[in-house]
Structure formats: structure tokens, C-alpha cells
PDB file of N, CA and C in Angstrom:
ATOM      1  N   MET A   1       8.701  35.561 -19.882  1.00  0.00           N
ATOM      2  CA  MET A   1       8.685  34.572 -18.772  1.00  0.00           C
ATOM      3  C   MET A   1       9.452  33.305 -19.328  1.00  0.00           C
ATOM      4  N   THR A   2      10.437  32.880 -18.493  1.00  0.00           N
ATOM      5  CA  THR A   2      11.231  31.754 -18.871  1.00  0.00           C
ATOM      6  C   THR A   2      10.524  30.465 -18.570  1.00  0.00           C
ATOM      7  N   ILE A   3      11.082  29.271 -19.042  1.00  0.00           N
ATOM      8  CA  ILE A   3      10.525  28.037 -18.760  1.00  0.00           C
ATOM      9  C   ILE A   3      10.544  27.770 -17.272  1.00  0.00           C
ATOM     10  N   THR A   4      11.717  28.123 -16.683  1.00  0.00           N
ATOM     11  CA  THR A   4      11.894  27.818 -15.235  1.00  0.00           C
ATOM     12  C   THR A   4      10.857  28.568 -14.382  1.00  0.00           C
ATOM     13  N   ALA A   5      10.601  29.795 -14.818  1.00  0.00           N
ATOM     14  CA  ALA A   5       9.603  30.687 -14.048  1.00  0.00           C
ATOM     15  C   ALA A   5       8.276  30.075 -14.272  1.00  0.00           C
ATOM     16  N   LYS A   6       7.866  29.680 -15.330  1.00  0.00           N
ATOM     17  CA  LYS A   6       6.518  29.014 -15.595  1.00  0.00           C
ATOM     18  C   LYS A   6       6.393  27.780 -14.752  1.00  0.00           C
ATOM     19  N   ALA A   7       7.436  26.896 -14.731  1.00  0.00           N
ATOM     20  CA  ALA A   7       7.436  25.695 -14.012  1.00  0.00           C
ATOM     21  C   ALA A   7       7.334  26.064 -12.473  1.00  0.00           C
ATOM     22  N   ALA A   8       8.075  27.069 -12.088  1.00  0.00           N
ATOM     23  CA  ALA A   8       7.966  27.404 -10.580  1.00  0.00           C
ATOM     24  C   ALA A   8       6.547  27.896 -10.310  1.00  0.00           C
ATOM     25  N   SER A   9       5.893  28.639 -11.238  1.00  0.00           N
ATOM     26  CA  SER A   9       4.590  29.175 -10.919  1.00  0.00           C
ATOM     27  C   SER A   9       3.508  27.981 -10.820  1.00  0.00           C
ATOM     28  N   VAL A  10       3.777  27.025 -11.673  1.00  0.00           N
ATOM     29  CA  VAL A  10       2.780  25.883 -11.651  1.00  0.00           C
ATOM     30  C   VAL A  10       3.049  24.854 -10.542  1.00  0.00           C
ATOM     31  N   LEU A  11       4.311  24.595 -10.351  1.00  0.00           N
ATOM     32  CA  LEU A  11       4.729  23.579  -9.352  1.00  0.00           C
ATOM     33  C   LEU A  11       5.116  24.094  -7.999  1.00  0.00           C
ATOM     34  N   GLY A  12       4.928  25.455  -7.747  1.00  0.00           N
ATOM     35  CA  GLY A  12       5.311  26.016  -6.554  1.00  0.00           C
ATOM     36  C   GLY A  12       4.404  25.458  -5.451  1.00  0.00           C
ATOM     37  N   TYR A  13       4.875  25.737  -4.177  1.00  0.00           N
ATOM     38  CA  TYR A  13       4.097  25.269  -2.965  1.00  0.00           C
ATOM     39  C   TYR A  13       2.892  26.072  -2.775  1.00  0.00           C
ATOM     40  N   ARG A  14       1.863  25.723  -3.565  1.00  0.00           N
ATOM     41  CA  ARG A  14       0.570  26.428  -3.463  1.00  0.00           C
ATOM     42  C   ARG A  14      -0.337  25.291  -3.104  1.00  0.00           C
ATOM     43  N   VAL A  15      -1.574  25.727  -2.729  1.00  0.00           N
ATOM     44  CA  VAL A  15      -2.472  24.696  -2.214  1.00  0.00           C
ATOM     45  C   VAL A  15      -2.980  23.670  -3.198  1.00  0.00           C
ATOM     46  N   LEU A  16      -3.408  24.146  -4.421  1.00  0.00           N
ATOM     47  CA  LEU A  16      -3.925  23.248  -5.410  1.00  0.00           C
ATOM     48  C   LEU A  16      -2.910  22.266  -5.900  1.00  0.00           C
ATOM     49  N   PRO A  17      -1.768  22.713  -6.450  1.00  0.00           N
ATOM     50  CA  PRO A  17      -0.791  21.750  -6.951  1.00  0.00           C
ATOM     51  C   PRO A  17      -0.258  20.763  -5.941  1.00  0.00           C
ATOM     52  N   THR A  18      -0.116  21.198  -4.686  1.00  0.00           N
ATOM     53  CA  THR A  18       0.319  20.395  -3.587  1.00  0.00           C
ATOM     54  C   THR A  18      -0.728  19.329  -3.299  1.00  0.00           C
ATOM     55  N   SER A  19      -2.036  19.829  -3.163  1.00  0.00           N
ATOM     56  CA  SER A  19      -3.123  18.848  -2.896  1.00  0.00           C
ATOM     57  C   SER A  19      -3.217  17.831  -3.997  1.00  0.00           C
ATOM     58  N   ILE A  20      -3.164  18.225  -5.158  1.00  0.00           N
ATOM     59  CA  ILE A  20      -3.240  17.204  -6.353  1.00  0.00           C
ATOM     60  C   ILE A  20      -2.081  16.266  -6.255  1.00  0.00           C
ATOM     61  N   PHE A  21      -0.852  16.690  -6.065  1.00  0.00           N
ATOM     62  CA  PHE A  21       0.340  15.864  -5.960  1.00  0.00           C
ATOM     63  C   PHE A  21       0.198  14.862  -4.838  1.00  0.00           C
ATOM     64  N   ALA A  22      -0.304  15.306  -3.622  1.00  0.00           N
ATOM     65  CA  ALA A  22      -0.544  14.489  -2.477  1.00  0.00           C
ATOM     66  C   ALA A  22      -1.634  13.366  -2.770  1.00  0.00           C
ATOM     67  N   LEU A  23      -2.693  13.838  -3.444  1.00  0.00           N
ATOM     68  CA  LEU A  23      -3.773  12.885  -3.737  1.00  0.00           C
ATOM     69  C   LEU A  23      -3.252  11.862  -4.757  1.00  0.00           C
ATOM     70  N   LEU A  24      -2.507  12.265  -5.717  1.00  0.00           N
ATOM     71  CA  LEU A  24      -1.971  11.266  -6.701  1.00  0.00           C
ATOM     72  C   LEU A  24      -1.010  10.307  -6.108  1.00  0.00           C
ATOM     73  N   ALA A  25      -0.191  10.750  -5.233  1.00  0.00           N
ATOM     74  CA  ALA A  25       0.845   9.944  -4.457  1.00  0.00           C
ATOM     75  C   ALA A  25       0.104   8.907  -3.566  1.00  0.00           C
ATOM     76  N   TYR A  26      -0.900   9.358  -2.790  1.00  0.00           N
ATOM     77  CA  TYR A  26      -1.657   8.467  -1.964  1.00  0.00           C
ATOM     78  C   TYR A  26      -2.419   7.461  -2.822  1.00  0.00           C
ATOM     79  N   ALA A  27      -3.080   7.900  -3.875  1.00  0.00           N
ATOM     80  CA  ALA A  27      -3.763   6.945  -4.846  1.00  0.00           C
ATOM     81  C   ALA A  27      -2.782   5.993  -5.374  1.00  0.00           C
ATOM     82  N   ALA A  28      -1.669   6.344  -5.846  1.00  0.00           N
ATOM     83  CA  ALA A  28      -0.626   5.371  -6.428  1.00  0.00           C
ATOM     84  C   ALA A  28      -0.180   4.308  -5.332  1.00  0.00           C
ATOM     85  N   ILE A  29      -0.023   4.772  -4.158  1.00  0.00           N
ATOM     86  CA  ILE A  29       0.436   3.825  -3.104  1.00  0.00           C
ATOM     87  C   ILE A  29      -0.747   2.912  -2.736  1.00  0.00           C
ATOM     88  N   PHE A  30      -1.978   3.448  -2.655  1.00  0.00           N
ATOM     89  CA  PHE A  30      -3.138   2.697  -2.298  1.00  0.00           C
ATOM     90  C   PHE A  30      -3.429   1.510  -3.376  1.00  0.00           C
ATOM     91  N   PHE A  31      -3.350   1.952  -4.691  1.00  0.00           N
ATOM     92  CA  PHE A  31      -3.538   0.961  -5.695  1.00  0.00           C
ATOM     93  C   PHE A  31      -2.484   0.041  -5.816  1.00  0.00           C
ATOM     94  N   ALA A  32      -1.229   0.359  -5.595  1.00  0.00           N
ATOM     95  CA  ALA A  32      -0.031  -0.532  -5.694  1.00  0.00           C
ATOM     96  C   ALA A  32      -0.228  -1.530  -4.563  1.00  0.00           C
ATOM     97  N   LEU A  33      -0.667  -1.076  -3.361  1.00  0.00           N
ATOM     98  CA  LEU A  33      -0.816  -2.106  -2.299  1.00  0.00           C
ATOM     99  C   LEU A  33      -1.983  -2.993  -2.446  1.00  0.00           C
ATOM    100  N   THR A  34      -3.111  -2.403  -3.094  1.00  0.00           N
ATOM    101  CA  THR A  34      -4.156  -3.271  -3.288  1.00  0.00           C
ATOM    102  C   THR A  34      -3.869  -4.402  -4.378  1.00  0.00           C
ATOM    103  N   ILE A  35      -3.047  -4.116  -5.256  1.00  0.00           N
ATOM    104  CA  ILE A  35      -2.783  -5.046  -6.287  1.00  0.00           C
ATOM    105  C   ILE A  35      -1.757  -6.115  -5.854  1.00  0.00           C
ATOM    106  N   THR A  36      -0.770  -5.644  -5.120  1.00  0.00           N
ATOM    107  CA  THR A  36       0.371  -6.535  -4.729  1.00  0.00           C
ATOM    108  C   THR A  36       0.228  -7.189  -3.353  1.00  0.00           C
ATOM    109  N   ASP A  37      -0.612  -6.683  -2.448  1.00  0.00           N
ATOM    110  CA  ASP A  37      -0.716  -7.273  -1.142  1.00  0.00           C
ATOM    111  C   ASP A  37      -1.622  -8.380  -1.114  1.00  0.00           C
ATOM    112  N   THR A  38      -1.102  -9.564  -1.304  1.00  0.00           N
ATOM    113  CA  THR A  38      -1.929 -10.862  -1.285  1.00  0.00           C
ATOM    114  C   THR A  38      -1.437 -11.737  -0.202  1.00  0.00           C
ATOM    115  N   LEU A  39      -2.319 -12.499   0.247  1.00  0.00           N
ATOM    116  CA  LEU A  39      -2.005 -13.472   1.320  1.00  0.00           C
ATOM    117  C   LEU A  39      -2.149 -14.888   0.791  1.00  0.00           C
ATOM    118  N   SER A  40      -1.106 -15.653   0.942  1.00  0.00           N
ATOM    119  CA  SER A  40      -1.115 -16.957   0.426  1.00  0.00           C
ATOM    120  C   SER A  40      -2.012 -17.874   1.262  1.00  0.00           C
ATOM    121  N   ASN A  41      -2.498 -18.888   0.642  1.00  0.00           N
ATOM    122  CA  ASN A  41      -3.373 -19.881   1.290  1.00  0.00           C
ATOM    123  C   ASN A  41      -2.630 -20.660   2.400  1.00  0.00           C
ATOM    124  N   ALA A  42      -3.336 -21.158   3.298  1.00  0.00           N
ATOM    125  CA  ALA A  42      -2.713 -22.029   4.315  1.00  0.00           C
ATOM    126  C   ALA A  42      -2.348 -23.287   3.590  1.00  0.00           C
ATOM    127  N   PRO A  43      -1.293 -23.969   4.007  1.00  0.00           N
ATOM    128  CA  PRO A  43      -0.957 -25.272   3.421  1.00  0.00           C
ATOM    129  C   PRO A  43      -1.944 -26.280   3.789  1.00  0.00           C
ATOM    130  N   THR A  44      -1.942 -27.257   2.825  1.00  0.00           N
ATOM    131  CA  THR A  44      -2.902 -28.405   3.112  1.00  0.00           C
ATOM    132  C   THR A  44      -2.449 -29.244   4.281  1.00  0.00           C
ATOM    133  N   PRO A  45      -3.329 -29.965   4.931  1.00  0.00           N
ATOM    134  CA  PRO A  45      -2.957 -30.716   6.036  1.00  0.00           C
ATOM    135  C   PRO A  45      -1.838 -31.796   5.838  1.00  0.00           C
ATOM    136  N   ALA A  46      -1.777 -32.250   4.626  1.00  0.00           N
ATOM    137  CA  ALA A  46      -0.622 -33.040   4.320  1.00  0.00           C
ATOM    138  C   ALA A  46       0.779 -32.443   4.305  1.00  0.00           C
ATOM    139  N   LYS A  47       0.791 -31.107   4.156  1.00  0.00           N
ATOM    140  CA  LYS A  47       2.021 -30.427   4.075  1.00  0.00           C
ATOM    141  C   LYS A  47       2.350 -29.713   5.422  1.00  0.00           C
ATOM    142  N   GLN A  48       1.507 -29.809   6.351  1.00  0.00           N
ATOM    143  CA  GLN A  48       1.640 -29.079   7.580  1.00  0.00           C
ATOM    144  C   GLN A  48       2.620 -29.701   8.488  1.00  0.00           C
ATOM    145  N   ARG A  49       2.983 -30.973   8.340  1.00  0.00           N
ATOM    146  CA  ARG A  49       4.038 -31.729   9.116  1.00  0.00           C
ATOM    147  C   ARG A  49       3.675 -31.656  10.664  1.00  0.00           C
ATOM    148  N   GLY A  50       2.424 -31.992  10.995  1.00  0.00           N
ATOM    149  CA  GLY A  50       2.004 -32.047  12.392  1.00  0.00           C
ATOM    150  C   GLY A  50       1.522 -30.714  12.979  1.00  0.00           C
ATOM    151  N   LEU A  51       1.551 -29.732  12.229  1.00  0.00           N
ATOM    152  CA  LEU A  51       1.149 -28.411  12.736  1.00  0.00           C
ATOM    153  C   LEU A  51      -0.404 -28.322  12.799  1.00  0.00           C
ATOM    154  N   ASP A  52      -0.879 -27.874  13.921  1.00  0.00           N
ATOM    155  CA  ASP A  52      -2.358 -27.813  14.108  1.00  0.00           C
ATOM    156  C   ASP A  52      -2.656 -26.369  14.092  1.00  0.00           C
ATOM    157  N   LEU A  53      -3.142 -25.889  12.940  1.00  0.00           N
ATOM    158  CA  LEU A  53      -3.475 -24.461  12.829  1.00  0.00           C
ATOM    159  C   LEU A  53      -4.606 -24.094  13.672  1.00  0.00           C
ATOM    160  N   ALA A  54      -5.531 -24.891  13.980  1.00  0.00           N
ATOM    161  CA  ALA A  54      -6.706 -24.422  14.829  1.00  0.00           C
ATOM    162  C   ALA A  54      -6.164 -24.216  16.155  1.00  0.00           C
ATOM    163  N   GLN A  55      -5.345 -25.137  16.672  1.00  0.00           N
ATOM    164  CA  GLN A  55      -4.751 -24.882  18.010  1.00  0.00           C
ATOM    165  C   GLN A  55      -3.888 -23.752  18.172  1.00  0.00           C
ATOM    166  N   ALA A  56      -3.097 -23.479  17.009  1.00  0.00           N
ATOM    167  CA  ALA A  56      -2.260 -22.228  17.021  1.00  0.00           C
ATOM    168  C   ALA A  56      -3.144 -20.964  17.010  1.00  0.00           C
ATOM    169  N   TYR A  57      -4.164 -21.017  16.335  1.00  0.00           N
ATOM    170  CA  TYR A  57      -5.108 -19.850  16.338  1.00  0.00           C
ATOM    171  C   TYR A  57      -5.660 -19.574  17.667  1.00  0.00           C
ATOM    172  N   THR A  58      -6.146 -20.592  18.400  1.00  0.00           N
ATOM    173  CA  THR A  58      -6.655 -20.484  19.724  1.00  0.00           C
ATOM    174  C   THR A  58      -5.666 -20.064  20.738  1.00  0.00           C
ATOM    175  N   ASP A  59      -4.410 -20.495  20.499  1.00  0.00           N
ATOM    176  CA  ASP A  59      -3.300 -20.064  21.419  1.00  0.00           C
ATOM    177  C   ASP A  59      -3.026 -18.581  21.229  1.00  0.00           C
ATOM    178  N   LEU A  60      -3.215 -18.011  20.050  1.00  0.00           N
ATOM    179  CA  LEU A  60      -2.945 -16.618  19.827  1.00  0.00           C
ATOM    180  C   LEU A  60      -4.026 -15.804  20.579  1.00  0.00           C
ATOM    181  N   HIS A  61      -5.194 -16.286  20.735  1.00  0.00           N
ATOM    182  CA  HIS A  61      -6.306 -15.589  21.358  1.00  0.00           C
ATOM    183  C   HIS A  61      -6.431 -15.698  22.912  1.00  0.00           C
ATOM    184  N   HIS A  62      -5.498 -16.477  23.493  1.00  0.00           N
ATOM    185  CA  HIS A  62      -5.599 -16.685  24.975  1.00  0.00           C
ATOM    186  C   HIS A  62      -4.246 -16.217  25.562  1.00  0.00           C
TER     187      HIS A  62
END
């Protein structure tokens, strides 16, 4: 059995290797998004230059 035949038998489109690969891919994406997806804080009132965030928030809900 050659190396390519062994690799094909392990990495072929079978249920278990495909499921494990999909699980690892989804886990990698989930953890990458969990670590990098951050929301910055709202600016302080001194840096808002007249922007009323409370009024903007209520405008979004009406």
C-alpha cells in the first residue's frame, strides 16, 4: 500500500473523517470569532461633539 493510498483511505469522503474535519473547522471559526470579535466602548460625552446617544437609540426603536 503506497502513501497516497493510505492517505486516501484515511482522508477519503467517509462519515467519520468528514465529521471530524467539519467539527474542527467550525470550532476554529467559533473560537477565532470569540477572541477577535470585540465591541469598542461608546465615546465619552466630551468626545461625542453634540451627539445624543440616548436619543439615537430611541430613534432606532421607533
